[in-house]
């Protein structure tokens, strides 16, 4: 999540984007401990995750392999 973790609207935007990509509702991950060096407090949202199984997993992997490297700069097949 990086710097956007303080802004509630941007966090909701990230959750919506992950839901569109994967086809499932993501789960918010919280920080277990406070780490002052990273400016993270306990129970603060630090990311989102989705567990993919079966057809959705292979569909996501297919999209990632076909579309991902083509958008990376200087990627050679």
Protein backbone atom coordinates (compact mmCIF):
# COMPACT_ATOMS: atom_id res chain seq x y z
CA UNK A 1 0.00 0.00 0.00
CA UNK A 2 2.90 2.34 0.59
CA UNK A 3 2.10 5.99 1.28
CA UNK A 4 -1.64 5.72 0.58
CA UNK A 5 -2.42 3.71 3.72
CA UNK A 6 -3.58 6.85 5.58
CA UNK A 7 -6.19 7.82 2.97
CA UNK A 8 -9.38 5.76 3.36
CA UNK A 9 -10.65 6.51 -0.17
CA UNK A 10 -7.43 5.31 -1.78
CA UNK A 11 -7.46 2.12 0.31
CA UNK A 12 -11.00 1.44 -0.90
CA UNK A 13 -9.81 2.07 -4.46
CA UNK A 14 -7.04 -0.51 -4.06
CA UNK A 15 -9.53 -3.03 -2.68
CA UNK A 16 -11.86 -2.42 -5.64
CA UNK A 17 -9.00 -2.83 -8.12
CA UNK A 18 -7.85 -6.13 -6.60
CA UNK A 19 -11.46 -7.36 -6.59
CA UNK A 20 -11.82 -6.54 -10.31
CA UNK A 21 -8.56 -8.26 -11.21
CA UNK A 22 -9.15 -11.45 -9.23
CA UNK A 23 -12.94 -11.75 -9.20
CA UNK A 24 -13.00 -12.18 -5.43
CA UNK A 25 -13.30 -9.89 -2.43
CA UNK A 26 -9.88 -9.20 -0.90
CA UNK A 27 -9.08 -9.31 2.82
CA UNK A 28 -7.33 -6.39 4.50
CA UNK A 29 -4.05 -7.30 6.20
CA UNK A 30 -3.17 -5.49 9.41
CA UNK A 31 0.19 -4.78 11.00
CA UNK A 32 0.90 -7.04 13.97
CA UNK A 33 3.45 -4.75 15.58
CA UNK A 34 4.38 -1.08 15.42
CA UNK A 35 7.58 -0.33 13.51
CA UNK A 36 8.70 3.30 13.81
CA UNK A 37 11.26 3.03 11.00
CA UNK A 38 8.48 2.25 8.51
CA UNK A 39 5.94 4.58 10.19
CA UNK A 40 3.55 1.68 10.76
CA UNK A 41 1.29 1.39 13.80
CA UNK A 42 -0.25 -1.76 15.26
CA UNK A 43 -3.56 -2.80 13.59
CA UNK A 44 -3.01 -0.38 10.69
CA UNK A 45 -3.96 -1.61 7.21
CA UNK A 46 -0.74 -2.47 5.37
CA UNK A 47 -2.08 -4.43 2.39
CA UNK A 48 -4.76 -6.65 0.89
CA UNK A 49 -4.68 -10.30 -0.11
CA UNK A 50 -6.73 -12.84 -2.01
CA UNK A 51 -6.44 -16.62 -1.98
CA UNK A 52 -7.01 -18.02 -5.46
CA UNK A 53 -7.76 -21.69 -6.05
CA UNK A 54 -8.77 -23.81 -9.01
CA UNK A 55 -9.95 -22.15 -12.22
CA UNK A 56 -9.58 -18.59 -10.90
CA UNK A 57 -5.96 -19.27 -9.99
CA UNK A 58 -5.09 -20.56 -13.46
CA UNK A 59 -7.05 -17.76 -15.12
CA UNK A 60 -5.15 -15.14 -13.11
CA UNK A 61 -1.82 -16.83 -13.86
CA UNK A 62 -2.67 -16.90 -17.56
CA UNK A 63 -3.47 -13.15 -17.56
CA UNK A 64 -0.29 -12.41 -15.64
CA UNK A 65 1.96 -14.36 -17.98
CA UNK A 66 0.39 -13.06 -21.19
CA UNK A 67 -0.04 -9.39 -20.25
CA UNK A 68 2.55 -8.73 -17.55
CA UNK A 69 5.90 -9.16 -19.34
CA UNK A 70 4.65 -7.36 -22.46
CA UNK A 71 4.22 -4.18 -20.41
CA UNK A 72 7.63 -4.39 -18.76
CA UNK A 73 10.16 -2.13 -20.44
CA UNK A 74 13.00 -3.86 -22.33
CA UNK A 75 11.45 -7.31 -21.93
CA UNK A 76 12.87 -9.75 -24.48
CA UNK A 77 11.05 -12.98 -25.26
